[in-house]
Amino acid sequence: MTCLNCQQPFSGRTRKYCTPDCRTKATATRRVYWQLPGQVTKIAMGRAAELLVAADLMQRGFYVYLALPPDAPFDLAAWKDGQFYAVEVKTGHLESRSRLVFPALPERQRNAATHIAVVIPGGEIMYRPEL
């Protein structure tokens, strides 16, 4: 195999990088996540993203309901013109200015969510499929 970061050959069938250091360097240079000021946990960042999406949907004329349990199958329920939408919110980034990258959904969420809202750096929101 060839390391995805340094392009050096290495042995190993399940790894993408030759060393942990190479993996760290590769993922640090390609990830540009949006940041909140100060020390913010991943949970707080996720909740902030959910609130951004809720506000965006409300501005578009949706009624929005936030899921309270952390293990809910989706983050937001939205209603507009008699249509129900189950929205899962993720933070992500654009790779090469065109490819949207975000964490994969667990099967439970893939089966429940009708839409994914991805918040990218700068607070822009991209919906898949479009709303």
N, C-alpha and C. Protein backbone atom coordinates (compact mmCIF):
# COMPACT_ATOMS: atom_id res chain seq x y z
N MET A 1 0.83 -1.19 0.00
CA MET A 1 0.00 0.00 0.00
C MET A 1 0.87 1.25 0.00
N THR A 2 0.27 2.36 -0.39
CA THR A 2 0.96 3.64 -0.39
C THR A 2 0.27 4.58 0.60
N CYS A 3 1.06 5.26 1.42
CA CYS A 3 0.55 6.18 2.42
C CYS A 3 -0.18 7.34 1.71
N LEU A 4 -1.38 7.66 2.20
CA LEU A 4 -2.16 8.74 1.59
C LEU A 4 -1.55 10.12 1.84
N ASN A 5 -0.67 10.23 2.84
CA ASN A 5 -0.07 11.52 3.15
C ASN A 5 1.27 11.71 2.46
N CYS A 6 2.21 10.81 2.71
CA CYS A 6 3.58 11.00 2.20
C CYS A 6 3.88 10.20 0.94
N GLN A 7 2.94 9.38 0.50
CA GLN A 7 3.05 8.58 -0.73
C GLN A 7 4.14 7.50 -0.65
N GLN A 8 4.64 7.19 0.55
CA GLN A 8 5.65 6.15 0.72
C GLN A 8 4.97 4.79 0.83
N PRO A 9 5.57 3.76 0.23
CA PRO A 9 4.97 2.43 0.37
C PRO A 9 5.14 1.89 1.80
N PHE A 10 4.15 1.11 2.24
CA PHE A 10 4.23 0.47 3.54
C PHE A 10 3.39 -0.80 3.51
N SER A 11 3.62 -1.68 4.48
CA SER A 11 2.85 -2.92 4.52
C SER A 11 1.70 -2.75 5.50
N GLY A 12 0.57 -3.25 5.14
CA GLY A 12 -0.62 -3.14 5.98
C GLY A 12 -1.85 -3.02 5.10
N ARG A 13 -2.81 -3.89 5.31
CA ARG A 13 -3.96 -3.93 4.42
C ARG A 13 -5.13 -3.08 4.91
N THR A 14 -5.15 -2.72 6.19
CA THR A 14 -6.31 -2.00 6.70
C THR A 14 -6.02 -0.54 7.03
N ARG A 15 -4.77 -0.13 6.91
CA ARG A 15 -4.43 1.25 7.24
C ARG A 15 -4.30 2.10 5.99
N LYS A 16 -4.47 3.41 6.16
CA LYS A 16 -4.33 4.33 5.04
C LYS A 16 -3.03 5.13 5.12
N TYR A 17 -2.41 5.16 6.32
CA TYR A 17 -1.21 5.95 6.54
C TYR A 17 -0.10 5.06 7.10
N CYS A 18 1.14 5.41 6.81
CA CYS A 18 2.26 4.57 7.21
C CYS A 18 2.54 4.64 8.71
N THR A 19 2.31 5.79 9.33
CA THR A 19 2.54 5.96 10.77
C THR A 19 1.42 6.80 11.37
N PRO A 20 1.24 6.72 12.69
CA PRO A 20 0.26 7.60 13.33
C PRO A 20 0.57 9.09 13.11
N ASP A 21 1.87 9.43 13.09
CA ASP A 21 2.27 10.81 12.86
C ASP A 21 1.84 11.28 11.47
N CYS A 22 1.98 10.42 10.48
CA CYS A 22 1.57 10.75 9.11
C CYS A 22 0.05 10.96 9.05
N ARG A 23 -0.68 10.13 9.76
CA ARG A 23 -2.14 10.27 9.79
C ARG A 23 -2.55 11.60 10.41
N THR A 24 -1.89 11.96 11.52
CA THR A 24 -2.19 13.23 12.19
C THR A 24 -1.91 14.41 11.27
N LYS A 25 -0.79 14.39 10.60
CA LYS A 25 -0.45 15.47 9.67
C LYS A 25 -1.46 15.57 8.53
N ALA A 26 -1.87 14.44 7.99
CA ALA A 26 -2.80 14.44 6.86
C ALA A 26 -4.16 14.98 7.27
N THR A 27 -4.68 14.53 8.39
CA THR A 27 -6.02 14.96 8.78
C THR A 27 -6.03 16.39 9.30
N ALA A 28 -4.93 16.85 9.90
CA ALA A 28 -4.88 18.23 10.40
C ALA A 28 -4.86 19.23 9.26
N THR A 29 -4.21 18.89 8.15
CA THR A 29 -4.11 19.85 7.05
C THR A 29 -5.38 19.91 6.22
N ARG A 30 -6.19 18.88 6.20
CA ARG A 30 -7.36 18.92 5.34
C ARG A 30 -8.63 19.35 6.06
N ARG A 31 -8.62 19.35 7.38
CA ARG A 31 -9.82 19.71 8.14
C ARG A 31 -9.78 21.16 8.56
N VAL A 32 -10.76 21.89 8.15
CA VAL A 32 -10.90 23.29 8.54
C VAL A 32 -12.32 23.46 9.06
N TYR A 33 -12.54 23.06 10.30
CA TYR A 33 -13.87 23.14 10.87
C TYR A 33 -14.12 24.55 11.40
N TRP A 34 -15.35 24.95 11.42
CA TRP A 34 -15.69 26.24 12.00
C TRP A 34 -15.47 26.16 13.50
N GLN A 35 -15.16 27.27 14.10
CA GLN A 35 -14.80 27.31 15.51
C GLN A 35 -15.68 28.29 16.27
N LEU A 36 -15.95 27.98 17.51
CA LEU A 36 -16.57 28.91 18.43
C LEU A 36 -15.46 29.45 19.33
N PRO A 37 -15.58 30.66 19.87
CA PRO A 37 -14.50 31.21 20.69
C PRO A 37 -14.31 30.42 21.98
N GLY A 38 -13.06 30.38 22.44
CA GLY A 38 -12.74 29.75 23.71
C GLY A 38 -12.70 28.23 23.63
N GLN A 39 -12.67 27.59 24.80
CA GLN A 39 -12.63 26.15 24.91
C GLN A 39 -14.05 25.61 24.75
N VAL A 40 -14.32 24.96 23.64
CA VAL A 40 -15.67 24.47 23.36
C VAL A 40 -15.61 22.96 23.12
N THR A 41 -16.48 22.22 23.75
CA THR A 41 -16.51 20.78 23.57
C THR A 41 -17.19 20.43 22.25
N LYS A 42 -16.98 19.20 21.78
CA LYS A 42 -17.64 18.73 20.57
C LYS A 42 -19.16 18.75 20.74
N ILE A 43 -19.62 18.44 21.94
CA ILE A 43 -21.06 18.43 22.19
C ILE A 43 -21.62 19.85 22.04
N ALA A 44 -20.91 20.84 22.59
CA ALA A 44 -21.37 22.23 22.48
C ALA A 44 -21.34 22.69 21.02
N MET A 45 -20.30 22.28 20.27
CA MET A 45 -20.22 22.64 18.84
C MET A 45 -21.40 22.04 18.09
N GLY A 46 -21.73 20.79 18.39
CA GLY A 46 -22.85 20.13 17.73
C GLY A 46 -24.17 20.80 18.05
N ARG A 47 -24.34 21.17 19.31
CA ARG A 47 -25.59 21.84 19.70
C ARG A 47 -25.70 23.21 19.04
N ALA A 48 -24.57 23.93 18.93
CA ALA A 48 -24.57 25.23 18.26
C ALA A 48 -24.96 25.06 16.79
N ALA A 49 -24.45 23.99 16.16
CA ALA A 49 -24.81 23.73 14.75
C ALA A 49 -26.30 23.44 14.64
N GLU A 50 -26.84 22.68 15.57
CA GLU A 50 -28.29 22.39 15.56
C GLU A 50 -29.11 23.67 15.66
N LEU A 51 -28.67 24.60 16.51
CA LEU A 51 -29.39 25.86 16.67
C LEU A 51 -29.30 26.72 15.41
N LEU A 52 -28.13 26.72 14.75
CA LEU A 52 -27.99 27.44 13.48
C LEU A 52 -28.96 26.90 12.43
N VAL A 53 -29.05 25.58 12.35
CA VAL A 53 -29.95 24.96 11.37
C VAL A 53 -31.40 25.26 11.73
N ALA A 54 -31.74 25.18 13.01
CA ALA A 54 -33.11 25.48 13.44
C ALA A 54 -33.48 26.91 13.05
N ALA A 55 -32.58 27.86 13.30
CA ALA A 55 -32.86 29.26 12.94
C ALA A 55 -33.01 29.42 11.44
N ASP A 56 -32.17 28.73 10.66
CA ASP A 56 -32.26 28.81 9.20
C ASP A 56 -33.60 28.26 8.71
N LEU A 57 -34.00 27.14 9.25
CA LEU A 57 -35.28 26.55 8.84
C LEU A 57 -36.46 27.44 9.23
N MET A 58 -36.39 28.05 10.40
CA MET A 58 -37.47 28.95 10.82
C MET A 58 -37.56 30.15 9.88
N GLN A 59 -36.41 30.67 9.45
CA GLN A 59 -36.41 31.79 8.50
C GLN A 59 -37.01 31.38 7.16
N ARG A 60 -36.94 30.09 6.84
CA ARG A 60 -37.52 29.58 5.59
C ARG A 60 -39.00 29.24 5.74
N GLY A 61 -39.56 29.46 6.93
CA GLY A 61 -40.99 29.24 7.12
C GLY A 61 -41.36 27.88 7.70
N PHE A 62 -40.40 27.13 8.20
CA PHE A 62 -40.68 25.83 8.82
C PHE A 62 -41.03 26.02 10.30
N TYR A 63 -41.86 25.13 10.82
CA TYR A 63 -41.99 24.96 12.25
C TYR A 63 -40.91 23.96 12.63
N VAL A 64 -40.13 24.28 13.67
CA VAL A 64 -38.98 23.45 14.02
C VAL A 64 -39.09 22.98 15.46
N TYR A 65 -38.80 21.69 15.67
CA TYR A 65 -38.82 21.09 17.00
C TYR A 65 -37.47 20.43 17.24
N LEU A 66 -36.86 20.75 18.38
CA LEU A 66 -35.55 20.20 18.72
C LEU A 66 -35.72 18.91 19.51
N ALA A 67 -34.90 17.91 19.18
CA ALA A 67 -34.90 16.66 19.94
C ALA A 67 -34.12 16.88 21.23
N LEU A 68 -34.69 16.51 22.35
CA LEU A 68 -34.01 16.69 23.63
C LEU A 68 -33.09 15.53 24.00
N PRO A 69 -33.49 14.27 23.81
CA PRO A 69 -32.60 13.18 24.20
C PRO A 69 -31.37 13.13 23.30
N PRO A 70 -30.18 12.95 23.88
CA PRO A 70 -28.97 12.89 23.05
C PRO A 70 -28.93 11.67 22.13
N ASP A 71 -29.71 10.65 22.42
CA ASP A 71 -29.71 9.45 21.58
C ASP A 71 -30.90 9.40 20.63
N ALA A 72 -31.54 10.54 20.39
CA ALA A 72 -32.67 10.58 19.46
C ALA A 72 -32.20 10.19 18.06
N PRO A 73 -33.05 9.59 17.25
CA PRO A 73 -32.65 9.14 15.92
C PRO A 73 -32.38 10.27 14.93
N PHE A 74 -32.81 11.50 15.24
CA PHE A 74 -32.48 12.67 14.43
C PHE A 74 -32.50 13.89 15.35
N ASP A 75 -31.90 15.01 14.90
CA ASP A 75 -31.73 16.18 15.75
C ASP A 75 -32.91 17.15 15.75
N LEU A 76 -33.53 17.32 14.59
CA LEU A 76 -34.61 18.29 14.45
C LEU A 76 -35.78 17.68 13.70
N ALA A 77 -36.97 18.08 14.08
CA ALA A 77 -38.16 17.77 13.28
C ALA A 77 -38.63 19.10 12.70
N ALA A 78 -38.92 19.10 11.42
CA ALA A 78 -39.37 20.32 10.76
C ALA A 78 -40.68 20.03 10.03
N TRP A 79 -41.55 21.03 9.98
CA TRP A 79 -42.87 20.87 9.36
C TRP A 79 -43.17 22.09 8.52
N LYS A 80 -43.57 21.87 7.27
CA LYS A 80 -43.96 22.98 6.40
C LYS A 80 -44.89 22.46 5.31
N ASP A 81 -45.98 23.15 5.10
CA ASP A 81 -46.93 22.82 4.04
C ASP A 81 -47.38 21.36 4.08
N GLY A 82 -47.63 20.86 5.30
CA GLY A 82 -48.10 19.49 5.45
C GLY A 82 -47.03 18.41 5.28
N GLN A 83 -45.78 18.81 5.12
CA GLN A 83 -44.67 17.86 4.96
C GLN A 83 -43.85 17.80 6.24
N PHE A 84 -43.48 16.60 6.65
CA PHE A 84 -42.63 16.38 7.82
C PHE A 84 -41.22 16.05 7.34
N TYR A 85 -40.22 16.64 8.01
CA TYR A 85 -38.81 16.39 7.69
C TYR A 85 -38.09 16.02 8.98
N ALA A 86 -37.35 14.93 8.97
CA ALA A 86 -36.50 14.53 10.08
C ALA A 86 -35.07 14.90 9.69
N VAL A 87 -34.47 15.84 10.40
CA VAL A 87 -33.19 16.41 9.99
C VAL A 87 -32.09 16.01 10.97
N GLU A 88 -31.03 15.45 10.45
CA GLU A 88 -29.82 15.15 11.23
C GLU A 88 -28.80 16.25 10.90
N VAL A 89 -28.21 16.85 11.93
CA VAL A 89 -27.27 17.95 11.75
C VAL A 89 -25.84 17.46 11.97
N LYS A 90 -24.94 17.82 11.07
CA LYS A 90 -23.53 17.47 11.17
C LYS A 90 -22.68 18.70 10.91
N THR A 91 -21.48 18.73 11.46
CA THR A 91 -20.52 19.75 11.06
C THR A 91 -19.58 19.11 10.05
N GLY A 92 -19.13 19.89 9.09
CA GLY A 92 -18.26 19.35 8.06
C GLY A 92 -17.46 20.44 7.39
N HIS A 93 -16.93 20.14 6.23
CA HIS A 93 -16.15 21.12 5.48
C HIS A 93 -16.19 20.78 4.00
N LEU A 94 -15.79 21.74 3.19
CA LEU A 94 -15.70 21.51 1.75
C LEU A 94 -14.26 21.16 1.42
N GLU A 95 -14.09 20.09 0.68
CA GLU A 95 -12.77 19.67 0.26
C GLU A 95 -12.60 20.05 -1.20
N SER A 96 -11.54 20.72 -1.51
CA SER A 96 -11.28 21.18 -2.88
C SER A 96 -12.40 22.06 -3.40
N ARG A 97 -13.04 22.82 -2.52
CA ARG A 97 -14.09 23.79 -2.85
C ARG A 97 -15.35 23.19 -3.47
N SER A 98 -15.45 21.86 -3.52
CA SER A 98 -16.64 21.31 -4.16
C SER A 98 -17.19 20.08 -3.45
N ARG A 99 -16.35 19.26 -2.87
CA ARG A 99 -16.80 18.01 -2.25
C ARG A 99 -17.13 18.24 -0.78
N LEU A 100 -18.36 17.96 -0.40
CA LEU A 100 -18.82 18.13 0.97
C LEU A 100 -18.39 16.92 1.80
N VAL A 101 -17.68 17.16 2.90
CA VAL A 101 -17.18 16.08 3.75
C VAL A 101 -17.76 16.26 5.15
N PHE A 102 -18.35 15.17 5.67
CA PHE A 102 -18.91 15.18 7.02
C PHE A 102 -18.93 13.75 7.53
N PRO A 103 -19.02 13.56 8.86
CA PRO A 103 -19.01 12.21 9.42
C PRO A 103 -20.19 11.37 8.90
N ALA A 104 -19.93 10.10 8.72
CA ALA A 104 -20.98 9.18 8.26
C ALA A 104 -22.03 9.02 9.35
N LEU A 105 -23.26 8.81 8.93
CA LEU A 105 -24.34 8.59 9.88
C LEU A 105 -24.39 7.13 10.30
N PRO A 106 -24.60 6.86 11.59
CA PRO A 106 -24.85 5.49 12.02
C PRO A 106 -26.13 4.97 11.36
N GLU A 107 -26.27 3.68 11.24
CA GLU A 107 -27.42 3.08 10.55
C GLU A 107 -28.75 3.56 11.13
N ARG A 108 -28.83 3.68 12.45
CA ARG A 108 -30.07 4.11 13.11
C ARG A 108 -30.49 5.49 12.59
N GLN A 109 -29.53 6.39 12.41
CA GLN A 109 -29.85 7.73 11.92
C GLN A 109 -30.11 7.73 10.41
N ARG A 110 -29.40 6.90 9.67
CA ARG A 110 -29.62 6.81 8.21
C ARG A 110 -31.05 6.39 7.93
N ASN A 111 -31.57 5.49 8.75
CA ASN A 111 -32.93 4.98 8.53
C ASN A 111 -34.00 5.97 8.99
N ALA A 112 -33.67 6.88 9.91
CA ALA A 112 -34.68 7.78 10.48
C ALA A 112 -34.69 9.16 9.81
N ALA A 113 -33.52 9.69 9.50
CA ALA A 113 -33.45 11.06 8.97
C ALA A 113 -33.84 11.10 7.49
N THR A 114 -34.66 12.09 7.16
CA THR A 114 -35.02 12.29 5.75
C THR A 114 -34.05 13.26 5.08
N HIS A 115 -33.40 14.11 5.90
CA HIS A 115 -32.46 15.10 5.38
C HIS A 115 -31.25 15.22 6.31
N ILE A 116 -30.13 15.63 5.75
CA ILE A 116 -28.93 15.93 6.52
C ILE A 116 -28.62 17.40 6.29
N ALA A 117 -28.37 18.13 7.37
CA ALA A 117 -27.94 19.52 7.29
C ALA A 117 -26.49 19.56 7.74
N VAL A 118 -25.60 20.03 6.87
CA VAL A 118 -24.18 20.09 7.21
C VAL A 118 -23.79 21.56 7.36
N VAL A 119 -23.28 21.90 8.54
CA VAL A 119 -22.82 23.26 8.82
C VAL A 119 -21.33 23.30 8.52
N ILE A 120 -20.92 24.18 7.61
CA ILE A 120 -19.51 24.27 7.21
C ILE A 120 -18.92 25.57 7.75
N PRO A 121 -17.58 25.71 7.73
CA PRO A 121 -16.95 26.91 8.28
C PRO A 121 -17.60 28.19 7.75
N GLY A 122 -17.78 29.13 8.63
CA GLY A 122 -18.44 30.37 8.27
C GLY A 122 -19.93 30.32 8.56
N GLY A 123 -20.43 29.16 8.97
CA GLY A 123 -21.84 29.04 9.32
C GLY A 123 -22.76 28.74 8.16
N GLU A 124 -22.21 28.52 6.96
CA GLU A 124 -23.07 28.15 5.82
C GLU A 124 -23.65 26.77 6.06
N ILE A 125 -24.90 26.56 5.63
CA ILE A 125 -25.59 25.29 5.83
C ILE A 125 -25.92 24.69 4.47
N MET A 126 -25.57 23.42 4.30
CA MET A 126 -25.88 22.71 3.07
C MET A 126 -26.79 21.54 3.43
N TYR A 127 -27.89 21.39 2.70
CA TYR A 127 -28.85 20.33 2.98
C TYR A 127 -28.74 19.24 1.92
N ARG A 128 -28.82 17.99 2.38
CA ARG A 128 -28.80 16.84 1.48
C ARG A 128 -29.95 15.94 1.84
N PRO A 129 -30.92 15.67 0.99
CA PRO A 129 -31.17 16.40 -0.25
C PRO A 129 -31.61 17.82 0.08
N GLU A 130 -31.61 18.68 -0.93
CA GLU A 130 -31.98 20.08 -0.74
C GLU A 130 -33.39 20.20 -0.17
N LEU A 131 -33.61 21.21 0.64
CA LEU A 131 -34.94 21.50 1.17
C LEU A 131 -35.56 22.63 0.36
